[in-house]
Amino acid sequence: MTAAAPRHRESRAAGVAPGAETAFVTLLWPHRAGETPTTGAKLETVTGGYVLDADLAEGRVRILLRTGDTPLAAPDGRTAKADLEAVRFDKPGRAVAHLIVDGRTVRAGQ
């Protein structure tokens, strides 16, 4: 008796052409039980990568995700040369934290 070949079902997102490149960005909003997390977020494709803006309970965060070797050009004129740059803003809009990740290096920014 021979075993039947395993079956699989091909699946793809609606509107995505076969062979098209797809990228996934996951955003996690930690929150305490009983609290409703803030859910406002926008992902924008720009030259050299992506810009993610997300609302936080105490302000917002902007994350620049570089996808290649060229610098990322954000819509606000900011340029990112690192793989990832994250800036957290308080409610009035002042930058209160800056994180830079480049390869294996993680450092606080300015």
Protein backbone atom coordinates (compact mmCIF):
# COMPACT_ATOMS: atom_id res chain seq x y z
CA MET A 1 0.00 0.00 0.00
CA THR A 2 1.39 3.42 -0.90
CA ALA A 3 0.87 6.56 1.10
CA ALA A 4 -1.06 9.37 -0.52
CA ALA A 5 0.87 12.53 -1.27
CA PRO A 6 0.23 15.23 1.34
CA ARG A 7 -2.19 17.89 0.24
CA HIS A 8 -1.68 21.57 0.79
CA ARG A 9 -3.75 24.57 -0.07
CA GLU A 10 -2.17 27.65 -1.54
CA SER A 11 -3.26 30.86 0.09
CA ARG A 12 -2.45 34.48 -0.68
CA ALA A 13 -3.81 37.87 0.24
CA ALA A 14 -6.50 39.30 -2.00
CA GLY A 15 -5.10 41.66 -4.59
CA VAL A 16 -1.53 40.38 -4.27
CA ALA A 17 -0.11 39.08 -7.53
CA PRO A 18 1.68 35.71 -7.48
CA GLY A 19 5.39 36.25 -6.90
CA ALA A 20 4.86 39.74 -5.45
CA GLU A 21 7.01 40.67 -2.46
CA THR A 22 5.14 41.07 0.82
CA ALA A 23 6.41 42.58 4.06
CA PHE A 24 4.95 42.14 7.54
CA VAL A 25 5.30 44.54 10.46
CA THR A 26 4.00 43.49 13.89
CA LEU A 27 3.11 46.10 16.48
CA LEU A 28 2.44 45.00 20.07
CA TRP A 29 0.61 47.26 22.51
CA PRO A 30 1.32 46.02 26.05
CA HIS A 31 -1.38 46.94 28.54
CA ARG A 32 -2.69 45.85 31.91
CA ALA A 33 -5.68 43.54 32.27
CA GLY A 34 -8.86 45.60 32.29
CA GLU A 35 -7.28 48.48 30.35
CA THR A 36 -8.13 49.16 26.74
CA PRO A 37 -4.97 49.59 24.67
CA THR A 38 -4.62 52.59 22.39
CA THR A 39 -4.96 51.36 18.83
CA GLY A 40 -4.21 54.26 16.50
CA ALA A 41 -1.38 53.37 14.12
CA LYS A 42 -0.28 54.18 10.58
CA LEU A 43 2.32 52.39 8.47
CA GLU A 44 3.69 54.30 5.49
CA THR A 45 6.02 53.07 2.74
CA VAL A 46 8.78 55.60 2.01
CA THR A 47 12.03 55.62 0.07
CA GLY A 48 14.31 53.14 1.84
CA GLY A 49 11.78 51.51 4.18
CA TYR A 50 8.75 52.16 6.36
CA VAL A 51 7.59 54.75 8.87
CA LEU A 52 5.31 53.53 11.67
CA ASP A 53 3.43 56.07 13.80
CA ALA A 54 1.49 54.70 16.77
CA ASP A 55 -0.50 56.28 19.58
CA LEU A 56 0.45 55.47 23.18
CA ALA A 57 -1.47 56.19 26.38
CA GLU A 58 1.15 58.80 27.30
CA GLY A 59 1.94 60.16 23.83
CA ARG A 60 3.05 58.53 20.59
CA VAL A 61 5.96 56.72 18.96
CA ARG A 62 7.51 57.04 15.50
CA ILE A 63 9.59 54.10 14.25
CA LEU A 64 11.73 54.30 11.12
CA LEU A 65 12.42 50.82 9.64
CA ARG A 66 15.14 50.81 6.99
CA THR A 67 14.89 47.96 4.48
CA GLY A 68 18.04 48.32 2.38
CA ASP A 69 21.50 49.83 2.30
CA THR A 70 20.34 53.34 1.41
CA PRO A 71 19.18 55.83 4.07
CA LEU A 72 15.47 56.01 4.78
CA ALA A 73 13.83 59.34 3.95
CA ALA A 74 10.89 60.05 6.28
CA PRO A 75 8.10 62.47 5.25
CA ASP A 76 9.09 64.90 8.04
CA GLY A 77 12.57 65.31 6.52
CA ARG A 78 14.29 62.99 8.98
CA THR A 79 16.86 60.59 7.51
CA ALA A 80 17.64 57.22 9.09
CA LYS A 81 20.91 55.43 8.37
CA ALA A 82 20.42 52.78 11.08
CA ASP A 83 18.26 49.67 10.63
CA LEU A 84 15.68 50.97 13.11
CA GLU A 85 15.19 54.29 14.86
CA ALA A 86 12.42 54.83 17.38
CA VAL A 87 11.43 58.13 18.98
CA ARG A 88 8.87 58.35 21.78
CA PHE A 89 7.00 61.63 22.20
CA ASP A 90 5.03 62.82 25.23
CA LYS A 91 1.49 64.22 24.89
CA PRO A 92 2.69 67.79 24.12
CA GLY A 93 4.90 66.35 21.34
CA ARG A 94 8.36 66.61 22.94
CA ALA A 95 10.79 63.77 22.16
CA VAL A 96 11.43 61.96 25.47
CA ALA A 97 13.27 58.80 24.33
CA HIS A 98 15.25 57.77 21.27
CA LEU A 99 16.46 54.24 20.45
CA ILE A 100 18.74 53.28 17.56
CA VAL A 101 19.36 49.70 16.38
CA ASP A 102 22.00 49.09 13.72
CA GLY A 103 23.05 45.51 13.13
CA ARG A 104 23.99 44.15 16.54
CA THR A 105 24.37 47.59 18.12
CA VAL A 106 21.60 49.10 20.24
CA ARG A 107 22.09 52.58 21.67
CA ALA A 108 20.20 55.56 23.00
CA GLY A 109 19.93 58.34 20.45
CA GLN A 110 19.86 62.10 20.63
